PDB file of N, CA and C in Angstrom:
ATOM      1  N   MET A   1      80.252 100.485 149.750  1.00  0.00           N
ATOM      2  CA  MET A   1      79.030 101.085 150.235  1.00  0.00           C
ATOM      3  C   MET A   1      78.355 101.820 149.074  1.00  0.00           C
ATOM      4  N   LYS A   2      77.042 101.643 148.951  1.00  0.00           N
ATOM      5  CA  LYS A   2      76.305 102.330 147.898  1.00  0.00           C
ATOM      6  C   LYS A   2      76.206 103.814 148.195  1.00  0.00           C
ATOM      7  N   LYS A   3      76.104 104.583 147.114  1.00  0.00           N
ATOM      8  CA  LYS A   3      76.011 106.037 147.232  1.00  0.00           C
ATOM      9  C   LYS A   3      74.623 106.499 146.806  1.00  0.00           C
ATOM     10  N   VAL A   4      74.036 107.399 147.622  1.00  0.00           N
ATOM     11  CA  VAL A   4      72.733 107.989 147.322  1.00  0.00           C
ATOM     12  C   VAL A   4      72.910 109.491 147.140  1.00  0.00           C
ATOM     13  N   LEU A   5      72.315 110.023 146.095  1.00  0.00           N
ATOM     14  CA  LEU A   5      72.296 111.464 145.869  1.00  0.00           C
ATOM     15  C   LEU A   5      70.875 111.951 146.109  1.00  0.00           C
ATOM     16  N   VAL A   6      70.711 112.870 147.052  1.00  0.00           N
ATOM     17  CA  VAL A   6      69.411 113.465 147.357  1.00  0.00           C
ATOM     18  C   VAL A   6      69.330 114.787 146.606  1.00  0.00           C
ATOM     19  N   LEU A   7      68.286 114.962 145.792  1.00  0.00           N
ATOM     20  CA  LEU A   7      68.129 116.176 144.991  1.00  0.00           C
ATOM     21  C   LEU A   7      66.910 116.980 145.431  1.00  0.00           C
ATOM     22  N   SER A   8      67.115 118.278 145.638  1.00  0.00           N
ATOM     23  CA  SER A   8      66.007 119.189 145.891  1.00  0.00           C
ATOM     24  C   SER A   8      66.342 120.535 145.269  1.00  0.00           C
ATOM     25  N   SER A   9      65.576 120.911 144.265  1.00  0.00           N
ATOM     26  CA  SER A   9      65.823 122.190 143.600  1.00  0.00           C
ATOM     27  C   SER A   9      65.002 123.317 144.223  1.00  0.00           C
ATOM     28  N   ALA A  10      64.121 122.984 145.169  1.00  0.00           N
ATOM     29  CA  ALA A  10      63.237 123.985 145.759  1.00  0.00           C
ATOM     30  C   ALA A  10      63.603 124.338 147.200  1.00  0.00           C
ATOM     31  N   HIS A  11      64.163 123.412 147.927  1.00  0.00           N
ATOM     32  CA  HIS A  11      64.396 123.606 149.358  1.00  0.00           C
ATOM     33  C   HIS A  11      65.867 123.887 149.664  1.00  0.00           C
ATOM     34  N   PRO A  12      66.125 124.689 150.697  1.00  0.00           N
ATOM     35  CA  PRO A  12      67.513 124.921 151.104  1.00  0.00           C
ATOM     36  C   PRO A  12      68.109 123.642 151.673  1.00  0.00           C
ATOM     37  N   TRP A  13      69.427 123.535 151.615  1.00  0.00           N
ATOM     38  CA  TRP A  13      70.099 122.313 152.044  1.00  0.00           C
ATOM     39  C   TRP A  13      69.808 121.979 153.497  1.00  0.00           C
ATOM     40  N   ASP A  14      69.580 122.984 154.340  1.00  0.00           N
ATOM     41  CA  ASP A  14      69.366 122.721 155.760  1.00  0.00           C
ATOM     42  C   ASP A  14      67.875 122.623 156.127  1.00  0.00           C
ATOM     43  N   ASP A  15      67.015 122.447 155.155  1.00  0.00           N
ATOM     44  CA  ASP A  15      65.592 122.236 155.399  1.00  0.00           C
ATOM     45  C   ASP A  15      65.421 121.003 156.291  1.00  0.00           C
ATOM     46  N   GLU A  16      64.545 121.109 157.266  1.00  0.00           N
ATOM     47  CA  GLU A  16      64.331 120.023 158.235  1.00  0.00           C
ATOM     48  C   GLU A  16      64.075 118.678 157.556  1.00  0.00           C
ATOM     49  N   ARG A  17      63.218 118.658 156.555  1.00  0.00           N
ATOM     50  CA  ARG A  17      62.885 117.389 155.885  1.00  0.00           C
ATOM     51  C   ARG A  17      64.037 116.884 155.034  1.00  0.00           C
ATOM     52  N   VAL A  18      64.634 117.777 154.261  1.00  0.00           N
ATOM     53  CA  VAL A  18      65.665 117.369 153.305  1.00  0.00           C
ATOM     54  C   VAL A  18      66.939 116.921 154.009  1.00  0.00           C
ATOM     55  N   PHE A  19      67.467 117.740 154.915  1.00  0.00           N
ATOM     56  CA  PHE A  19      68.744 117.409 155.536  1.00  0.00           C
ATOM     57  C   PHE A  19      68.592 116.490 156.739  1.00  0.00           C
ATOM     58  N   ASN A  20      67.776 116.898 157.713  1.00  0.00           N
ATOM     59  CA  ASN A  20      67.699 116.139 158.961  1.00  0.00           C
ATOM     60  C   ASN A  20      66.943 114.817 158.846  1.00  0.00           C
ATOM     61  N   LYS A  21      65.857 114.803 158.107  1.00  0.00           N
ATOM     62  CA  LYS A  21      65.070 113.575 158.039  1.00  0.00           C
ATOM     63  C   LYS A  21      65.519 112.636 156.916  1.00  0.00           C
ATOM     64  N   ILE A  22      65.841 113.184 155.759  1.00  0.00           N
ATOM     65  CA  ILE A  22      66.186 112.318 154.628  1.00  0.00           C
ATOM     66  C   ILE A  22      67.692 112.042 154.572  1.00  0.00           C
ATOM     67  N   ALA A  23      68.496 113.101 154.402  1.00  0.00           N
ATOM     68  CA  ALA A  23      69.936 112.907 154.198  1.00  0.00           C
ATOM     69  C   ALA A  23      70.611 112.245 155.405  1.00  0.00           C
ATOM     70  N   LYS A  24      70.320 112.717 156.599  1.00  0.00           N
ATOM     71  CA  LYS A  24      70.949 112.118 157.788  1.00  0.00           C
ATOM     72  C   LYS A  24      70.511 110.667 157.995  1.00  0.00           C
ATOM     73  N   SER A  25      69.259 110.362 157.703  1.00  0.00           N
ATOM     74  CA  SER A  25      68.797 108.976 157.825  1.00  0.00           C
ATOM     75  C   SER A  25      69.501 108.077 156.814  1.00  0.00           C
ATOM     76  N   LEU A  26      69.621 108.548 155.576  1.00  0.00           N
ATOM     77  CA  LEU A  26      70.309 107.763 154.553  1.00  0.00           C
ATOM     78  C   LEU A  26      71.785 107.583 154.880  1.00  0.00           C
ATOM     79  N   LYS A  27      72.386 108.565 155.530  1.00  0.00           N
ATOM     80  CA  LYS A  27      73.811 108.521 155.885  1.00  0.00           C
ATOM     81  C   LYS A  27      74.131 107.326 156.778  1.00  0.00           C
ATOM     82  N   LYS A  28      73.147 106.846 157.521  1.00  0.00           N
ATOM     83  CA  LYS A  28      73.366 105.699 158.405  1.00  0.00           C
ATOM     84  C   LYS A  28      73.655 104.415 157.626  1.00  0.00           C
ATOM     85  N   ARG A  29      73.148 104.324 156.387  1.00  0.00           N
ATOM     86  CA  ARG A  29      73.316 103.098 155.594  1.00  0.00           C
ATOM     87  C   ARG A  29      74.061 103.285 154.276  1.00  0.00           C
ATOM     88  N   TYR A  30      74.146 104.536 153.794  1.00  0.00           N
ATOM     89  CA  TYR A  30      74.730 104.802 152.479  1.00  0.00           C
ATOM     90  C   TYR A  30      75.681 105.983 152.554  1.00  0.00           C
ATOM     91  N   GLU A  31      76.607 106.027 151.612  1.00  0.00           N
ATOM     92  CA  GLU A  31      77.356 107.263 151.406  1.00  0.00           C
ATOM     93  C   GLU A  31      76.344 108.239 150.812  1.00  0.00           C
ATOM     94  N   THR A  32      76.214 109.419 151.402  1.00  0.00           N
ATOM     95  CA  THR A  32      75.145 110.332 151.010  1.00  0.00           C
ATOM     96  C   THR A  32      75.687 111.665 150.524  1.00  0.00           C
ATOM     97  N   VAL A  33      75.149 112.114 149.410  1.00  0.00           N
ATOM     98  CA  VAL A  33      75.474 113.406 148.819  1.00  0.00           C
ATOM     99  C   VAL A  33      74.157 114.160 148.667  1.00  0.00           C
ATOM    100  N   LEU A  34      74.176 115.453 148.971  1.00  0.00           N
ATOM    101  CA  LEU A  34      72.969 116.278 148.876  1.00  0.00           C
ATOM    102  C   LEU A  34      73.198 117.400 147.876  1.00  0.00           C
ATOM    103  N   CYS A  35      72.242 117.593 147.010  1.00  0.00           N
ATOM    104  CA  CYS A  35      72.266 118.688 146.045  1.00  0.00           C
ATOM    105  C   CYS A  35      70.984 119.480 146.265  1.00  0.00           C
ATOM    106  N   ALA A  36      71.128 120.693 146.832  1.00  0.00           N
ATOM    107  CA  ALA A  36      69.960 121.494 147.194  1.00  0.00           C
ATOM    108  C   ALA A  36      70.330 122.975 147.145  1.00  0.00           C
ATOM    109  N   VAL A  37      69.363 123.827 147.374  1.00  0.00           N
ATOM    110  CA  VAL A  37      69.590 125.269 147.344  1.00  0.00           C
ATOM    111  C   VAL A  37      70.560 125.653 148.465  1.00  0.00           C
ATOM    112  N   ALA A  38      71.650 126.314 148.073  1.00  0.00           N
ATOM    113  CA  ALA A  38      72.672 126.753 149.034  1.00  0.00           C
ATOM    114  C   ALA A  38      73.543 127.820 148.391  1.00  0.00           C
ATOM    115  N   GLU A  39      74.102 128.695 149.219  1.00  0.00           N
ATOM    116  CA  GLU A  39      74.990 129.735 148.701  1.00  0.00           C
ATOM    117  C   GLU A  39      76.351 129.158 148.322  1.00  0.00           C
ATOM    118  N   ASP A  40      76.866 128.270 149.138  1.00  0.00           N
ATOM    119  CA  ASP A  40      78.169 127.671 148.861  1.00  0.00           C
ATOM    120  C   ASP A  40      78.007 126.561 147.840  1.00  0.00           C
ATOM    121  N   ASP A  41      79.000 126.444 146.968  1.00  0.00           N
ATOM    122  CA  ASP A  41      78.924 125.422 145.941  1.00  0.00           C
ATOM    123  C   ASP A  41      79.162 124.031 146.510  1.00  0.00           C
ATOM    124  N   LEU A  42      80.054 123.913 147.491  1.00  0.00           N
ATOM    125  CA  LEU A  42      80.357 122.599 148.030  1.00  0.00           C
ATOM    126  C   LEU A  42      80.788 122.739 149.475  1.00  0.00           C
ATOM    127  N   GLN A  43      80.196 121.944 150.329  1.00  0.00           N
ATOM    128  CA  GLN A  43      80.573 121.913 151.729  1.00  0.00           C
ATOM    129  C   GLN A  43      80.288 120.517 152.254  1.00  0.00           C
ATOM    130  N   VAL A  44      80.836 120.197 153.413  1.00  0.00           N
ATOM    131  CA  VAL A  44      80.557 118.923 154.061  1.00  0.00           C
ATOM    132  C   VAL A  44      80.016 119.222 155.446  1.00  0.00           C
ATOM    133  N   VAL A  45      78.833 118.692 155.746  1.00  0.00           N
ATOM    134  CA  VAL A  45      78.197 118.882 157.040  1.00  0.00           C
ATOM    135  C   VAL A  45      77.774 117.508 157.552  1.00  0.00           C
ATOM    136  N   ASP A  46      78.212 117.151 158.735  1.00  0.00           N
ATOM    137  CA  ASP A  46      77.892 115.849 159.344  1.00  0.00           C
ATOM    138  C   ASP A  46      78.232 114.687 158.416  1.00  0.00           C
ATOM    139  N   GLY A  47      79.318 114.823 157.668  1.00  0.00           N
ATOM    140  CA  GLY A  47      79.760 113.768 156.775  1.00  0.00           C
ATOM    141  C   GLY A  47      78.985 113.674 155.473  1.00  0.00           C
ATOM    142  N   ILE A  48      78.124 114.635 155.196  1.00  0.00           N
ATOM    143  CA  ILE A  48      77.329 114.650 153.967  1.00  0.00           C
ATOM    144  C   ILE A  48      77.857 115.754 153.060  1.00  0.00           C
ATOM    145  N   LYS A  49      78.287 115.375 151.855  1.00  0.00           N
ATOM    146  CA  LYS A  49      78.771 116.350 150.887  1.00  0.00           C
ATOM    147  C   LYS A  49      77.576 117.091 150.312  1.00  0.00           C
ATOM    148  N   ILE A  50      77.663 118.431 150.280  1.00  0.00           N
ATOM    149  CA  ILE A  50      76.537 119.248 149.829  1.00  0.00           C
ATOM    150  C   ILE A  50      76.957 120.113 148.641  1.00  0.00           C
ATOM    151  N   TYR A  51      76.196 119.991 147.554  1.00  0.00           N
ATOM    152  CA  TYR A  51      76.371 120.840 146.382  1.00  0.00           C
ATOM    153  C   TYR A  51      75.254 121.873 146.392  1.00  0.00           C
ATOM    154  N   GLY A  52      75.609 123.124 146.168  1.00  0.00           N
ATOM    155  CA  GLY A  52      74.621 124.191 146.174  1.00  0.00           C
ATOM    156  C   GLY A  52      74.027 124.470 144.808  1.00  0.00           C
ATOM    157  N   LEU A  53      72.740 124.740 144.805  1.00  0.00           N
ATOM    158  CA  LEU A  53      72.031 125.172 143.604  1.00  0.00           C
ATOM    159  C   LEU A  53      71.531 126.588 143.822  1.00  0.00           C
ATOM    160  N   LYS A  54      71.370 127.322 142.738  1.00  0.00           N
ATOM    161  CA  LYS A  54      70.815 128.669 142.835  1.00  0.00           C
ATOM    162  C   LYS A  54      69.350 128.602 143.237  1.00  0.00           C
ATOM    163  N   LYS A  55      68.929 129.545 144.070  1.00  0.00           N
ATOM    164  CA  LYS A  55      67.517 129.643 144.431  1.00  0.00           C
ATOM    165  C   LYS A  55      66.796 130.339 143.279  1.00  0.00           C
ATOM    166  N   LEU A  56      65.886 129.620 142.636  1.00  0.00           N
ATOM    167  CA  LEU A  56      65.163 130.133 141.474  1.00  0.00           C
ATOM    168  C   LEU A  56      63.665 129.919 141.659  1.00  0.00           C
ATOM    169  N   SER A  57      62.885 130.701 140.951  1.00  0.00           N
ATOM    170  CA  SER A  57      61.438 130.494 140.978  1.00  0.00           C
ATOM    171  C   SER A  57      61.127 129.155 140.308  1.00  0.00           C
ATOM    172  N   ARG A  58      59.941 128.646 140.570  1.00  0.00           N
ATOM    173  CA  ARG A  58      59.551 127.354 140.004  1.00  0.00           C
ATOM    174  C   ARG A  58      59.689 127.345 138.479  1.00  0.00           C
ATOM    175  N   ALA A  59      59.339 128.429 137.840  1.00  0.00           N
ATOM    176  CA  ALA A  59      59.394 128.504 136.378  1.00  0.00           C
ATOM    177  C   ALA A  59      60.823 128.506 135.833  1.00  0.00           C
ATOM    178  N   LYS A  60      61.800 128.871 136.658  1.00  0.00           N
ATOM    179  CA  LYS A  60      63.182 128.971 136.185  1.00  0.00           C
ATOM    180  C   LYS A  60      64.104 127.897 136.744  1.00  0.00           C
ATOM    181  N   ARG A  61      63.583 126.944 137.497  1.00  0.00           N
ATOM    182  CA  ARG A  61      64.437 125.921 138.110  1.00  0.00           C
ATOM    183  C   ARG A  61      65.155 125.044 137.094  1.00  0.00           C
ATOM    184  N   TYR A  62      64.631 124.974 135.880  1.00  0.00           N
ATOM    185  CA  TYR A  62      65.289 124.203 134.834  1.00  0.00           C
ATOM    186  C   TYR A  62      66.714 124.705 134.576  1.00  0.00           C
ATOM    187  N   LYS A  63      67.001 125.958 134.963  1.00  0.00           N
ATOM    188  CA  LYS A  63      68.345 126.512 134.762  1.00  0.00           C
ATOM    189  C   LYS A  63      69.385 125.803 135.626  1.00  0.00           C
ATOM    190  N   ASN A  64      68.966 125.072 136.637  1.00  0.00           N
ATOM    191  CA  ASN A  64      69.882 124.285 137.462  1.00  0.00           C
ATOM    192  C   ASN A  64      70.137 122.891 136.881  1.00  0.00           C
ATOM    193  N   TYR A  65      69.392 122.491 135.858  1.00  0.00           N
ATOM    194  CA  TYR A  65      69.484 121.127 135.336  1.00  0.00           C
ATOM    195  C   TYR A  65      70.888 120.748 134.875  1.00  0.00           C
ATOM    196  N   SER A  66      71.561 121.633 134.162  1.00  0.00           N
ATOM    197  CA  SER A  66      72.894 121.276 133.663  1.00  0.00           C
ATOM    198  C   SER A  66      73.866 121.027 134.820  1.00  0.00           C
ATOM    199  N   LYS A  67      73.757 121.807 135.879  1.00  0.00           N
ATOM    200  CA  LYS A  67      74.621 121.585 137.042  1.00  0.00           C
ATOM    201  C   LYS A  67      74.279 120.256 137.723  1.00  0.00           C
ATOM    202  N   ILE A  68      72.993 119.959 137.838  1.00  0.00           N
ATOM    203  CA  ILE A  68      72.581 118.704 138.452  1.00  0.00           C
ATOM    204  C   ILE A  68      73.094 117.522 137.642  1.00  0.00           C
ATOM    205  N   ILE A  69      72.984 117.590 136.321  1.00  0.00           N
ATOM    206  CA  ILE A  69      73.481 116.516 135.454  1.00  0.00           C
ATOM    207  C   ILE A  69      74.987 116.346 135.639  1.00  0.00           C
ATOM    208  N   ARG A  70      75.716 117.452 135.704  1.00  0.00           N
ATOM    209  CA  ARG A  70      77.164 117.382 135.913  1.00  0.00           C
ATOM    210  C   ARG A  70      77.500 116.717 137.249  1.00  0.00           C
ATOM    211  N   ILE A  71      76.759 117.056 138.291  1.00  0.00           N
ATOM    212  CA  ILE A  71      76.992 116.479 139.618  1.00  0.00           C
ATOM    213  C   ILE A  71      76.716 114.977 139.600  1.00  0.00           C
ATOM    214  N   VAL A  72      75.632 114.557 138.952  1.00  0.00           N
ATOM    215  CA  VAL A  72      75.311 113.139 138.866  1.00  0.00           C
ATOM    216  C   VAL A  72      76.404 112.385 138.122  1.00  0.00           C
ATOM    217  N   LYS A  73      76.885 112.942 137.035  1.00  0.00           N
ATOM    218  CA  LYS A  73      77.951 112.277 136.277  1.00  0.00           C
ATOM    219  C   LYS A  73      79.249 112.226 137.074  1.00  0.00           C
ATOM    220  N   GLU A  74      79.530 113.249 137.852  1.00  0.00           N
ATOM    221  CA  GLU A  74      80.751 113.304 138.661  1.00  0.00           C
ATOM    222  C   GLU A  74      80.672 112.368 139.873  1.00  0.00           C
ATOM    223  N   GLU A  75      79.557 112.380 140.587  1.00  0.00           N
ATOM    224  CA  GLU A  75      79.416 111.598 141.817  1.00  0.00           C
ATOM    225  C   GLU A  75      79.102 110.121 141.556  1.00  0.00           C
ATOM    226  N   LYS A  76      78.484 109.818 140.424  1.00  0.00           N
ATOM    227  CA  LYS A  76      78.114 108.455 140.047  1.00  0.00           C
ATOM    228  C   LYS A  76      77.343 107.728 141.160  1.00  0.00           C
ATOM    229  N   PRO A  77      76.196 108.295 141.592  1.00  0.00           N
ATOM    230  CA  PRO A  77      75.434 107.638 142.659  1.00  0.00           C
ATOM    231  C   PRO A  77      74.758 106.354 142.173  1.00  0.00           C
ATOM    232  N   ASP A  78      74.563 105.420 143.089  1.00  0.00           N
ATOM    233  CA  ASP A  78      73.834 104.193 142.770  1.00  0.00           C
ATOM    234  C   ASP A  78      72.330 104.447 142.759  1.00  0.00           C
ATOM    235  N   ILE A  79      71.877 105.352 143.627  1.00  0.00           N
ATOM    236  CA  ILE A  79      70.460 105.684 143.748  1.00  0.00           C
ATOM    237  C   ILE A  79      70.324 107.205 143.779  1.00  0.00           C
ATOM    238  N   ILE A  80      69.304 107.720 143.093  1.00  0.00           N
ATOM    239  CA  ILE A  80      69.017 109.150 143.131  1.00  0.00           C
ATOM    240  C   ILE A  80      67.650 109.332 143.780  1.00  0.00           C
ATOM    241  N   HIS A  81      67.621 110.121 144.843  1.00  0.00           N
ATOM    242  CA  HIS A  81      66.383 110.401 145.577  1.00  0.00           C
ATOM    243  C   HIS A  81      65.898 111.796 145.183  1.00  0.00           C
ATOM    244  N   PHE A  82      64.734 111.860 144.523  1.00  0.00           N
ATOM    245  CA  PHE A  82      64.159 113.130 144.094  1.00  0.00           C
ATOM    246  C   PHE A  82      63.192 113.627 145.149  1.00  0.00           C
ATOM    247  N   HIS A  83      63.369 114.856 145.594  1.00  0.00           N
ATOM    248  CA  HIS A  83      62.499 115.409 146.619  1.00  0.00           C
ATOM    249  C   HIS A  83      61.380 116.271 146.028  1.00  0.00           C
ATOM    250  N   ASP A  84      61.581 116.818 144.832  1.00  0.00           N
ATOM    251  CA  ASP A  84      60.623 117.768 144.257  1.00  0.00           C
ATOM    252  C   ASP A  84      60.078 117.280 142.916  1.00  0.00           C
ATOM    253  N   PRO A  85      58.773 117.451 142.677  1.00  0.00           N
ATOM    254  CA  PRO A  85      58.179 116.996 141.422  1.00  0.00           C
ATOM    255  C   PRO A  85      58.706 117.736 140.191  1.00  0.00           C
ATOM    256  N   ASP A  86      59.221 118.954 140.368  1.00  0.00           N
ATOM    257  CA  ASP A  86      59.728 119.672 139.196  1.00  0.00           C
ATOM    258  C   ASP A  86      61.008 119.033 138.638  1.00  0.00           C
ATOM    259  N   LEU A  87      61.541 118.022 139.310  1.00  0.00           N
ATOM    260  CA  LEU A  87      62.724 117.311 138.825  1.00  0.00           C
ATOM    261  C   LEU A  87      62.367 116.041 138.047  1.00  0.00           C
ATOM    262  N   LEU A  88      61.085 115.812 137.819  1.00  0.00           N
ATOM    263  CA  LEU A  88      60.673 114.576 137.151  1.00  0.00           C
ATOM    264  C   LEU A  88      61.205 114.450 135.721  1.00  0.00           C
ATOM    265  N   LEU A  89      61.352 115.559 135.005  1.00  0.00           N
ATOM    266  CA  LEU A  89      61.946 115.475 133.662  1.00  0.00           C
ATOM    267  C   LEU A  89      63.373 114.955 133.744  1.00  0.00           C
ATOM    268  N   LEU A  90      64.106 115.414 134.740  1.00  0.00           N
ATOM    269  CA  LEU A  90      65.461 114.901 134.932  1.00  0.00           C
ATOM    270  C   LEU A  90      65.432 113.422 135.320  1.00  0.00           C
ATOM    271  N   ALA A  91      64.427 113.032 136.070  1.00  0.00           N
ATOM    272  CA  ALA A  91      64.311 111.631 136.477  1.00  0.00           C
ATOM    273  C   ALA A  91      64.228 110.725 135.253  1.00  0.00           C
ATOM    274  N   LEU A  92      63.460 111.133 134.268  1.00  0.00           N
ATOM    275  CA  LEU A  92      63.371 110.349 133.028  1.00  0.00           C
ATOM    276  C   LEU A  92      64.738 110.242 132.353  1.00  0.00           C
ATOM    277  N   TYR A  93      65.453 111.330 132.291  1.00  0.00           N
ATOM    278  CA  TYR A  93      66.790 111.328 131.688  1.00  0.00           C
ATOM    279  C   TYR A  93      67.716 110.373 132.446  1.00  0.00           C
ATOM    280  N   PHE A  94      67.724 110.482 133.773  1.00  0.00           N
ATOM    281  CA  PHE A  94      68.615 109.626 134.561  1.00  0.00           C
ATOM    282  C   PHE A  94      68.225 108.155 134.460  1.00  0.00           C
ATOM    283  N   LYS A  95      66.945 107.875 134.420  1.00  0.00           N
ATOM    284  CA  LYS A  95      66.473 106.492 134.348  1.00  0.00           C
ATOM    285  C   LYS A  95      66.724 105.889 132.967  1.00  0.00           C
ATOM    286  N   LEU A  96      66.323 106.600 131.921  1.00  0.00           N
ATOM    287  CA  LEU A  96      66.386 106.039 130.572  1.00  0.00           C
ATOM    288  C   LEU A  96      67.764 106.143 129.926  1.00  0.00           C
ATOM    289  N   ILE A  97      68.457 107.234 130.138  1.00  0.00           N
ATOM    290  CA  ILE A  97      69.744 107.441 129.475  1.00  0.00           C
ATOM    291  C   ILE A  97      70.916 106.955 130.336  1.00  0.00           C
ATOM    292  N   LEU A  98      70.941 107.347 131.603  1.00  0.00           N
ATOM    293  CA  LEU A  98      72.057 106.984 132.476  1.00  0.00           C
ATOM    294  C   LEU A  98      71.819 105.688 133.251  1.00  0.00           C
ATOM    295  N   LYS A  99      70.607 105.111 133.131  1.00  0.00           N
ATOM    296  CA  LYS A  99      70.264 103.829 133.765  1.00  0.00           C
ATOM    297  C   LYS A  99      70.440 103.851 135.284  1.00  0.00           C
ATOM    298  N   LYS A 100      70.021 104.928 135.929  1.00  0.00           N
ATOM    299  CA  LYS A 100      70.124 105.078 137.378  1.00  0.00           C
ATOM    300  C   LYS A 100      68.869 104.555 138.072  1.00  0.00           C
ATOM    301  N   LYS A 101      69.035 104.080 139.310  1.00  0.00           N
ATOM    302  CA  LYS A 101      67.892 103.719 140.146  1.00  0.00           C
ATOM    303  C   LYS A 101      67.361 104.990 140.772  1.00  0.00           C
ATOM    304  N   LEU A 102      66.040 105.123 140.790  1.00  0.00           N
ATOM    305  CA  LEU A 102      65.417 106.345 141.289  1.00  0.00           C
ATOM    306  C   LEU A 102      64.505 106.058 142.461  1.00  0.00           C
ATOM    307  N   TYR A 103      64.364 107.055 143.308  1.00  0.00           N
ATOM    308  CA  TYR A 103      63.409 107.031 144.408  1.00  0.00           C
ATOM    309  C   TYR A 103      62.881 108.444 144.548  1.00  0.00           C
ATOM    310  N   THR A 104      61.565 108.583 144.689  1.00  0.00           N
ATOM    311  CA  THR A 104      60.991 109.909 144.874  1.00  0.00           C
ATOM    312  C   THR A 104      60.116 109.917 146.111  1.00  0.00           C
ATOM    313  N   MET A 105      59.800 111.099 146.573  1.00  0.00           N
ATOM    314  CA  MET A 105      58.926 111.243 147.732  1.00  0.00           C
ATOM    315  C   MET A 105      57.508 110.805 147.396  1.00  0.00           C
ATOM    316  N   PHE A 106      57.179 110.667 146.123  1.00  0.00           N
ATOM    317  CA  PHE A 106      55.814 110.321 145.739  1.00  0.00           C
ATOM    318  C   PHE A 106      55.704 108.880 145.272  1.00  0.00           C
ATOM    319  N   MET A 107      56.749 108.059 145.497  1.00  0.00           N
ATOM    320  CA  MET A 107      56.698 106.632 145.191  1.00  0.00           C
ATOM    321  C   MET A 107      56.473 105.869 146.489  1.00  0.00           C
ATOM    322  N   LYS A 108      55.880 104.703 146.400  1.00  0.00           N
ATOM    323  CA  LYS A 108      55.595 103.917 147.594  1.00  0.00           C
ATOM    324  C   LYS A 108      56.732 102.964 147.955  1.00  0.00           C
ATOM    325  N   THR A 109      57.708 102.777 147.070  1.00  0.00           N
ATOM    326  CA  THR A 109      58.787 101.836 147.327  1.00  0.00           C
ATOM    327  C   THR A 109      59.967 102.552 148.011  1.00  0.00           C
ATOM    328  N   THR A 110      60.847 101.781 148.593  1.00  0.00           N
ATOM    329  CA  THR A 110      62.044 102.325 149.232  1.00  0.00           C
ATOM    330  C   THR A 110      63.274 101.847 148.481  1.00  0.00           C
ATOM    331  N   PRO A 111      64.397 102.579 148.619  1.00  0.00           N
ATOM    332  CA  PRO A 111      65.597 102.174 147.887  1.00  0.00           C
ATOM    333  C   PRO A 111      66.169 100.853 148.355  1.00  0.00           C
TER     334      PRO A 111
END
């Protein structure tokens, strides 16, 4: 089964759109991992593994990048779903360096 990693550096893990609409929907067809703002570093909810990121202002969200890169290297997802535009710099890194398939909320294609 393919693995999808959903990334959101701005929204809490239990945000209606991020968890209920995106992650739970993907869980029906893929192994799903979520990386979003949360106090706990790692938890499993409804069969979805959740990695927590620090809640930071938009200007400081880059401080979560090293943790996100570590999670991507550890989880080895087949597809990375970006929820926030401030993660686009990381998208370039994952696409060009790690050769990952990407999907964003602002693209018209589906995984």
